[in-house]
Amino acid sequence: MEIIIYGKEGCINCDKTRMLCQIQSLSFQYLLVGTDITAEALQEQVGQPVRSLPQIFVRTEDNTTYVGGYDDLRTQLRQLTLTTA
């Protein structure tokens, strides 16, 4: 599993997302909106208007799934931990 984070410099929730991945030893890729991807391309990938960052996806061997933002990732990881405990 790899976490794909689309963020920007100076974004507190983007930094928190990277830190969460590091603390949980999750493989992640951090891409800057405006440098690595355009806002329009990200919006197309998400499938809806993007009003905040980060925008997070989870890539597995089978597919890539849109998660949402920092709180959404945290909730999903918490649920994953509860179901595997």
N, C-alpha and C. Protein backbone atom coordinates (compact mmCIF):
# COMPACT_ATOMS: atom_id res chain seq x y z
N MET A 1 0.85 -1.18 0.00
CA MET A 1 0.00 0.00 0.00
C MET A 1 0.89 1.24 0.00
N GLU A 2 0.53 2.20 -0.82
CA GLU A 2 1.24 3.47 -0.88
C GLU A 2 0.23 4.60 -0.81
N ILE A 3 0.53 5.61 -0.02
CA ILE A 3 -0.32 6.78 0.11
C ILE A 3 0.21 7.84 -0.86
N ILE A 4 -0.67 8.41 -1.65
CA ILE A 4 -0.30 9.49 -2.57
C ILE A 4 -0.94 10.77 -2.05
N ILE A 5 -0.10 11.73 -1.75
CA ILE A 5 -0.55 12.99 -1.16
C ILE A 5 -0.30 14.12 -2.14
N TYR A 6 -1.34 14.85 -2.48
CA TYR A 6 -1.21 16.05 -3.29
C TYR A 6 -1.35 17.23 -2.34
N GLY A 7 -0.32 18.05 -2.24
CA GLY A 7 -0.34 19.15 -1.30
C GLY A 7 0.38 20.37 -1.83
N LYS A 8 0.67 21.30 -0.91
CA LYS A 8 1.40 22.52 -1.28
C LYS A 8 2.26 22.94 -0.10
N GLU A 9 3.21 23.78 -0.38
CA GLU A 9 4.10 24.31 0.66
C GLU A 9 3.29 25.17 1.63
N GLY A 10 3.63 25.10 2.91
CA GLY A 10 2.97 25.93 3.90
C GLY A 10 1.60 25.44 4.32
N CYS A 11 1.22 24.24 3.93
CA CYS A 11 -0.09 23.68 4.26
C CYS A 11 0.05 22.81 5.51
N ILE A 12 -0.58 23.21 6.59
CA ILE A 12 -0.46 22.50 7.87
C ILE A 12 -0.99 21.08 7.76
N ASN A 13 -2.15 20.90 7.14
CA ASN A 13 -2.71 19.55 7.02
C ASN A 13 -1.89 18.67 6.09
N CYS A 14 -1.23 19.27 5.11
CA CYS A 14 -0.33 18.51 4.24
C CYS A 14 0.85 17.99 5.06
N ASP A 15 1.40 18.86 5.89
CA ASP A 15 2.52 18.46 6.76
C ASP A 15 2.08 17.40 7.76
N LYS A 16 0.88 17.54 8.32
CA LYS A 16 0.37 16.55 9.26
C LYS A 16 0.17 15.20 8.59
N THR A 17 -0.25 15.21 7.34
CA THR A 17 -0.46 13.96 6.60
C THR A 17 0.88 13.25 6.38
N ARG A 18 1.89 14.00 5.98
CA ARG A 18 3.22 13.39 5.81
C ARG A 18 3.73 12.83 7.13
N MET A 19 3.54 13.57 8.21
CA MET A 19 4.00 13.11 9.52
C MET A 19 3.26 11.85 9.95
N LEU A 20 1.95 11.80 9.71
CA LEU A 20 1.16 10.62 10.04
C LEU A 20 1.69 9.39 9.30
N CYS A 21 1.99 9.56 8.04
CA CYS A 21 2.53 8.45 7.24
C CYS A 21 3.90 8.01 7.79
N GLN A 22 4.72 8.96 8.16
CA GLN A 22 6.03 8.62 8.71
C GLN A 22 5.91 7.90 10.04
N ILE A 23 5.05 8.38 10.92
CA ILE A 23 4.85 7.76 12.23
C ILE A 23 4.34 6.33 12.09
N GLN A 24 3.46 6.12 11.12
CA GLN A 24 2.87 4.80 10.94
C GLN A 24 3.69 3.93 9.97
N SER A 25 4.85 4.43 9.57
CA SER A 25 5.75 3.71 8.65
C SER A 25 5.04 3.31 7.36
N LEU A 26 4.25 4.23 6.82
CA LEU A 26 3.54 4.00 5.57
C LEU A 26 4.34 4.60 4.41
N SER A 27 4.43 3.85 3.35
CA SER A 27 5.08 4.36 2.15
C SER A 27 4.18 5.45 1.55
N PHE A 28 4.79 6.59 1.22
CA PHE A 28 3.99 7.65 0.63
C PHE A 28 4.78 8.42 -0.42
N GLN A 29 4.02 9.05 -1.30
CA GLN A 29 4.57 9.90 -2.35
C GLN A 29 3.91 11.26 -2.16
N TYR A 30 4.71 12.32 -2.11
CA TYR A 30 4.19 13.67 -1.91
C TYR A 30 4.40 14.47 -3.19
N LEU A 31 3.31 14.96 -3.75
CA LEU A 31 3.37 15.72 -5.00
C LEU A 31 2.82 17.12 -4.77
N LEU A 32 3.53 18.10 -5.29
CA LEU A 32 3.13 19.50 -5.12
C LEU A 32 2.17 19.93 -6.22
N VAL A 33 1.04 20.48 -5.82
CA VAL A 33 0.08 21.03 -6.76
C VAL A 33 0.69 22.32 -7.31
N GLY A 34 0.69 22.44 -8.61
CA GLY A 34 1.28 23.60 -9.26
C GLY A 34 2.67 23.31 -9.80
N THR A 35 3.32 22.28 -9.26
CA THR A 35 4.65 21.88 -9.73
C THR A 35 4.60 20.50 -10.37
N ASP A 36 4.12 19.51 -9.60
CA ASP A 36 4.07 18.13 -10.08
C ASP A 36 2.77 17.81 -10.81
N ILE A 37 1.73 18.57 -10.51
CA ILE A 37 0.42 18.38 -11.14
C ILE A 37 -0.30 19.72 -11.13
N THR A 38 -1.07 19.99 -12.16
CA THR A 38 -1.85 21.23 -12.18
C THR A 38 -3.11 21.06 -11.32
N ALA A 39 -3.64 22.16 -10.88
CA ALA A 39 -4.88 22.12 -10.10
C ALA A 39 -6.00 21.51 -10.93
N GLU A 40 -6.02 21.80 -12.21
CA GLU A 40 -7.05 21.27 -13.11
C GLU A 40 -6.93 19.76 -13.25
N ALA A 41 -5.70 19.26 -13.40
CA ALA A 41 -5.48 17.82 -13.54
C ALA A 41 -5.85 17.09 -12.24
N LEU A 42 -5.55 17.70 -11.11
CA LEU A 42 -5.92 17.09 -9.83
C LEU A 42 -7.44 17.04 -9.70
N GLN A 43 -8.09 18.12 -10.05
CA GLN A 43 -9.55 18.17 -9.98
C GLN A 43 -10.17 17.08 -10.86
N GLU A 44 -9.59 16.87 -12.02
CA GLU A 44 -10.06 15.82 -12.93
C GLU A 44 -9.85 14.44 -12.31
N GLN A 45 -8.73 14.25 -11.67
CA GLN A 45 -8.41 12.97 -11.04
C GLN A 45 -9.35 12.69 -9.86
N VAL A 46 -9.64 13.73 -9.07
CA VAL A 46 -10.52 13.58 -7.91
C VAL A 46 -11.96 13.36 -8.37
N GLY A 47 -12.34 14.00 -9.46
CA GLY A 47 -13.69 13.83 -9.99
C GLY A 47 -14.69 14.81 -9.43
N GLN A 48 -14.19 15.84 -8.75
CA GLN A 48 -15.05 16.89 -8.19
C GLN A 48 -14.18 18.11 -7.94
N PRO A 49 -14.80 19.27 -7.71
CA PRO A 49 -13.99 20.45 -7.42
C PRO A 49 -13.12 20.25 -6.19
N VAL A 50 -11.87 20.69 -6.29
CA VAL A 50 -10.93 20.60 -5.17
C VAL A 50 -10.88 21.95 -4.50
N ARG A 51 -11.30 21.98 -3.24
CA ARG A 51 -11.36 23.24 -2.50
C ARG A 51 -10.32 23.32 -1.39
N SER A 52 -9.68 22.19 -1.10
CA SER A 52 -8.69 22.19 -0.02
C SER A 52 -7.62 21.13 -0.29
N LEU A 53 -6.53 21.28 0.39
CA LEU A 53 -5.43 20.32 0.31
C LEU A 53 -5.11 19.87 1.72
N PRO A 54 -4.60 18.69 1.88
CA PRO A 54 -4.17 17.75 0.86
C PRO A 54 -5.36 16.98 0.26
N GLN A 55 -5.09 16.40 -0.90
CA GLN A 55 -5.99 15.44 -1.51
C GLN A 55 -5.21 14.13 -1.52
N ILE A 56 -5.82 13.07 -0.99
CA ILE A 56 -5.09 11.84 -0.72
C ILE A 56 -5.72 10.65 -1.42
N PHE A 57 -4.86 9.80 -1.97
CA PHE A 57 -5.25 8.56 -2.61
C PHE A 57 -4.47 7.43 -1.96
N VAL A 58 -5.04 6.22 -1.97
CA VAL A 58 -4.34 5.03 -1.50
C VAL A 58 -4.19 4.10 -2.70
N ARG A 59 -2.95 3.74 -2.98
CA ARG A 59 -2.66 2.83 -4.10
C ARG A 59 -2.32 1.45 -3.54
N THR A 60 -3.02 0.44 -4.04
CA THR A 60 -2.71 -0.94 -3.69
C THR A 60 -2.31 -1.65 -4.99
N GLU A 61 -2.02 -2.92 -4.89
CA GLU A 61 -1.66 -3.67 -6.10
C GLU A 61 -2.80 -3.68 -7.10
N ASP A 62 -4.03 -3.67 -6.60
CA ASP A 62 -5.21 -3.80 -7.46
C ASP A 62 -5.70 -2.48 -8.05
N ASN A 63 -5.67 -1.40 -7.26
CA ASN A 63 -6.23 -0.14 -7.76
C ASN A 63 -5.78 1.05 -6.91
N THR A 64 -6.25 2.22 -7.31
CA THR A 64 -6.00 3.45 -6.58
C THR A 64 -7.35 4.01 -6.16
N THR A 65 -7.49 4.32 -4.87
CA THR A 65 -8.76 4.78 -4.31
C THR A 65 -8.60 6.17 -3.73
N TYR A 66 -9.55 7.04 -4.04
CA TYR A 66 -9.57 8.38 -3.48
C TYR A 66 -10.02 8.31 -2.03
N VAL A 67 -9.28 8.97 -1.13
CA VAL A 67 -9.60 8.96 0.30
C VAL A 67 -10.25 10.27 0.71
N GLY A 68 -9.67 11.39 0.30
CA GLY A 68 -10.15 12.71 0.72
C GLY A 68 -9.01 13.50 1.31
N GLY A 69 -9.23 14.10 2.48
CA GLY A 69 -8.22 14.93 3.12
C GLY A 69 -7.58 14.23 4.31
N TYR A 70 -6.88 15.01 5.12
CA TYR A 70 -6.15 14.49 6.27
C TYR A 70 -7.06 13.73 7.23
N ASP A 71 -8.18 14.35 7.64
CA ASP A 71 -9.08 13.70 8.59
C ASP A 71 -9.64 12.40 8.03
N ASP A 72 -9.91 12.37 6.74
CA ASP A 72 -10.43 11.16 6.10
C ASP A 72 -9.39 10.03 6.15
N LEU A 73 -8.14 10.37 5.88
CA LEU A 73 -7.08 9.36 5.95
C LEU A 73 -6.93 8.85 7.38
N ARG A 74 -6.92 9.75 8.33
CA ARG A 74 -6.78 9.36 9.74
C ARG A 74 -7.90 8.41 10.15
N THR A 75 -9.13 8.73 9.75
CA THR A 75 -10.27 7.87 10.06
C THR A 75 -10.13 6.51 9.40
N GLN A 76 -9.73 6.49 8.14
CA GLN A 76 -9.58 5.23 7.42
C GLN A 76 -8.49 4.36 8.06
N LEU A 77 -7.38 4.97 8.45
CA LEU A 77 -6.30 4.21 9.08
C LEU A 77 -6.74 3.68 10.45
N ARG A 78 -7.51 4.46 11.18
CA ARG A 78 -8.02 4.02 12.49
C ARG A 78 -8.95 2.82 12.31
N GLN A 79 -9.83 2.87 11.32
CA GLN A 79 -10.76 1.76 11.06
C GLN A 79 -9.99 0.52 10.63
N LEU A 80 -8.96 0.70 9.82
CA LEU A 80 -8.13 -0.41 9.37
C LEU A 80 -7.44 -1.07 10.55
N THR A 81 -6.95 -0.26 11.49
CA THR A 81 -6.30 -0.78 12.69
C THR A 81 -7.28 -1.55 13.55
N LEU A 82 -8.50 -1.06 13.68
CA LEU A 82 -9.50 -1.72 14.51
C LEU A 82 -9.94 -3.06 13.91
N THR A 83 -10.03 -3.12 12.59
CA THR A 83 -10.49 -4.36 11.95
C THR A 83 -9.38 -5.43 11.90
N THR A 84 -8.14 -5.00 11.98
CA THR A 84 -7.05 -5.99 11.96
C THR A 84 -6.56 -6.35 13.35
N ALA A 85 -7.10 -5.68 14.38
CA ALA A 85 -6.66 -5.96 15.76
C ALA A 85 -7.39 -7.16 16.33
